[in-house]
Amino acid sequence: MDPKEVKASVDNNILTLSGVQKEEIENKSQYGTSYNSSYSSFQNSFSLPGPIKSKGLKMEYNNNTLSVIIPKA
């Protein structure tokens, strides 16, 4: 998944992560070329324990791990 396709938002102390994954595969053979594509999306919401600063929300993606940094209000 491309990290640029992941979005984060906070509304009423609910953190929502959503994104899309697109994949296109080209198969060449002696009979011709075929193209396969797939598309999937996800959305997960999490209740946060207290007030936060939604403007300071940051995401980092390292080694296939997404980290969300949420500053307290």
C-alpha atoms as a PDB file:
ATOM      1  CA  MET A   1       0.000   0.000   0.000  1.00  0.00           C
ATOM      2  CA  ASP A   2       1.224   3.478  -0.850  1.00  0.00           C
ATOM      3  CA  PRO A   3       1.426   5.575   2.357  1.00  0.00           C
ATOM      4  CA  LYS A   4       0.254   8.603   0.350  1.00  0.00           C
ATOM      5  CA  GLU A   5      -3.118   6.875  -0.030  1.00  0.00           C
ATOM      6  CA  VAL A   6      -3.746   6.759   3.751  1.00  0.00           C
ATOM      7  CA  LYS A   7      -5.715   9.592   5.367  1.00  0.00           C
ATOM      8  CA  ALA A   8      -6.264  10.407   9.043  1.00  0.00           C
ATOM      9  CA  SER A   9      -8.874  12.687  10.587  1.00  0.00           C
ATOM     10  CA  VAL A  10     -10.201  13.483  14.058  1.00  0.00           C
ATOM     11  CA  ASP A  11     -13.765  14.521  14.819  1.00  0.00           C
ATOM     12  CA  ASN A  12     -15.289  14.592  18.350  1.00  0.00           C
ATOM     13  CA  ASN A  13     -12.329  12.588  19.735  1.00  0.00           C
ATOM     14  CA  ILE A  14     -12.794   9.854  17.133  1.00  0.00           C
ATOM     15  CA  LEU A  15      -9.669   9.078  15.073  1.00  0.00           C
ATOM     16  CA  THR A  16     -10.515   7.729  11.607  1.00  0.00           C
ATOM     17  CA  LEU A  17      -7.930   6.120   9.334  1.00  0.00           C
ATOM     18  CA  SER A  18      -8.929   5.388   5.751  1.00  0.00           C
ATOM     19  CA  GLY A  19      -7.208   4.518   2.526  1.00  0.00           C
ATOM     20  CA  VAL A  20      -7.256   2.790  -0.815  1.00  0.00           C
ATOM     21  CA  GLN A  21      -5.005   0.236  -2.428  1.00  0.00           C
ATOM     22  CA  LYS A  22      -4.748  -0.026  -6.190  1.00  0.00           C
ATOM     23  CA  GLU A  23      -2.831  -2.691  -8.062  1.00  0.00           C
ATOM     24  CA  GLU A  24      -2.365  -3.204 -11.767  1.00  0.00           C
ATOM     25  CA  ILE A  25      -0.634  -6.272 -13.204  1.00  0.00           C
ATOM     26  CA  GLU A  26       0.408  -6.744 -16.803  1.00  0.00           C
ATOM     27  CA  ASN A  27       0.830 -10.339 -18.039  1.00  0.00           C
ATOM     28  CA  LYS A  28       2.567 -10.949 -21.325  1.00  0.00           C
ATOM     29  CA  SER A  29       2.498 -14.311 -23.049  1.00  0.00           C
ATOM     30  CA  GLN A  30       2.931 -15.710 -26.515  1.00  0.00           C
ATOM     31  CA  TYR A  31      -0.829 -15.218 -27.047  1.00  0.00           C
ATOM     32  CA  GLY A  32      -0.921 -11.526 -26.136  1.00  0.00           C
ATOM     33  CA  THR A  33      -1.024  -9.226 -23.158  1.00  0.00           C
ATOM     34  CA  SER A  34      -3.611  -9.158 -20.406  1.00  0.00           C
ATOM     35  CA  TYR A  35      -4.127  -6.563 -17.711  1.00  0.00           C
ATOM     36  CA  ASN A  36      -5.550  -7.218 -14.260  1.00  0.00           C
ATOM     37  CA  SER A  37      -6.399  -4.523 -11.776  1.00  0.00           C
ATOM     38  CA  SER A  38      -7.739  -4.579  -8.255  1.00  0.00           C
ATOM     39  CA  TYR A  39      -8.979  -1.930  -5.878  1.00  0.00           C
ATOM     40  CA  SER A  40      -9.689  -2.181  -2.167  1.00  0.00           C
ATOM     41  CA  SER A  41     -10.451   0.359   0.519  1.00  0.00           C
ATOM     42  CA  PHE A  42     -10.527   0.395   4.301  1.00  0.00           C
ATOM     43  CA  GLN A  43     -11.734   2.617   7.113  1.00  0.00           C
ATOM     44  CA  ASN A  44     -11.181   2.151  10.848  1.00  0.00           C
ATOM     45  CA  SER A  45     -12.283   4.451  13.665  1.00  0.00           C
ATOM     46  CA  PHE A  46     -10.910   4.622  17.208  1.00  0.00           C
ATOM     47  CA  SER A  47     -12.269   6.433  20.239  1.00  0.00           C
ATOM     48  CA  LEU A  48      -9.600   8.607  21.879  1.00  0.00           C
ATOM     49  CA  PRO A  49      -9.432   8.867  25.692  1.00  0.00           C
ATOM     50  CA  GLY A  50      -9.295  12.659  25.909  1.00  0.00           C
ATOM     51  CA  PRO A  51      -9.140  15.966  24.047  1.00  0.00           C
ATOM     52  CA  ILE A  52      -6.417  16.338  21.420  1.00  0.00           C
ATOM     53  CA  LYS A  53      -5.027  18.950  19.027  1.00  0.00           C
ATOM     54  CA  SER A  54      -6.264  17.732  15.654  1.00  0.00           C
ATOM     55  CA  LYS A  55      -4.049  20.242  13.806  1.00  0.00           C
ATOM     56  CA  GLY A  56      -0.902  18.582  15.191  1.00  0.00           C
ATOM     57  CA  LEU A  57      -1.810  15.107  13.932  1.00  0.00           C
ATOM     58  CA  LYS A  58       1.148  13.443  12.149  1.00  0.00           C
ATOM     59  CA  MET A  59       1.622  10.082  10.442  1.00  0.00           C
ATOM     60  CA  GLU A  60       4.890   8.249   9.841  1.00  0.00           C
ATOM     61  CA  TYR A  61       5.369   5.140   7.731  1.00  0.00           C
ATOM     62  CA  ASN A  62       8.498   3.013   8.294  1.00  0.00           C
ATOM     63  CA  ASN A  63       9.131  -0.668   7.530  1.00  0.00           C
ATOM     64  CA  ASN A  64       5.460  -1.313   6.639  1.00  0.00           C
ATOM     65  CA  THR A  65       4.316   0.151   9.972  1.00  0.00           C
ATOM     66  CA  LEU A  66       2.068   3.206  10.205  1.00  0.00           C
ATOM     67  CA  SER A  67       2.517   5.363  13.316  1.00  0.00           C
ATOM     68  CA  VAL A  68       0.050   8.110  14.207  1.00  0.00           C
ATOM     69  CA  ILE A  69       1.306  10.869  16.521  1.00  0.00           C
ATOM     70  CA  ILE A  70      -1.528  12.661  18.329  1.00  0.00           C
ATOM     71  CA  PRO A  71      -0.687  15.657  20.557  1.00  0.00           C
ATOM     72  CA  LYS A  72      -2.736  16.233  23.713  1.00  0.00           C
ATOM     73  CA  ALA A  73      -4.788  19.419  23.996  1.00  0.00           C
END
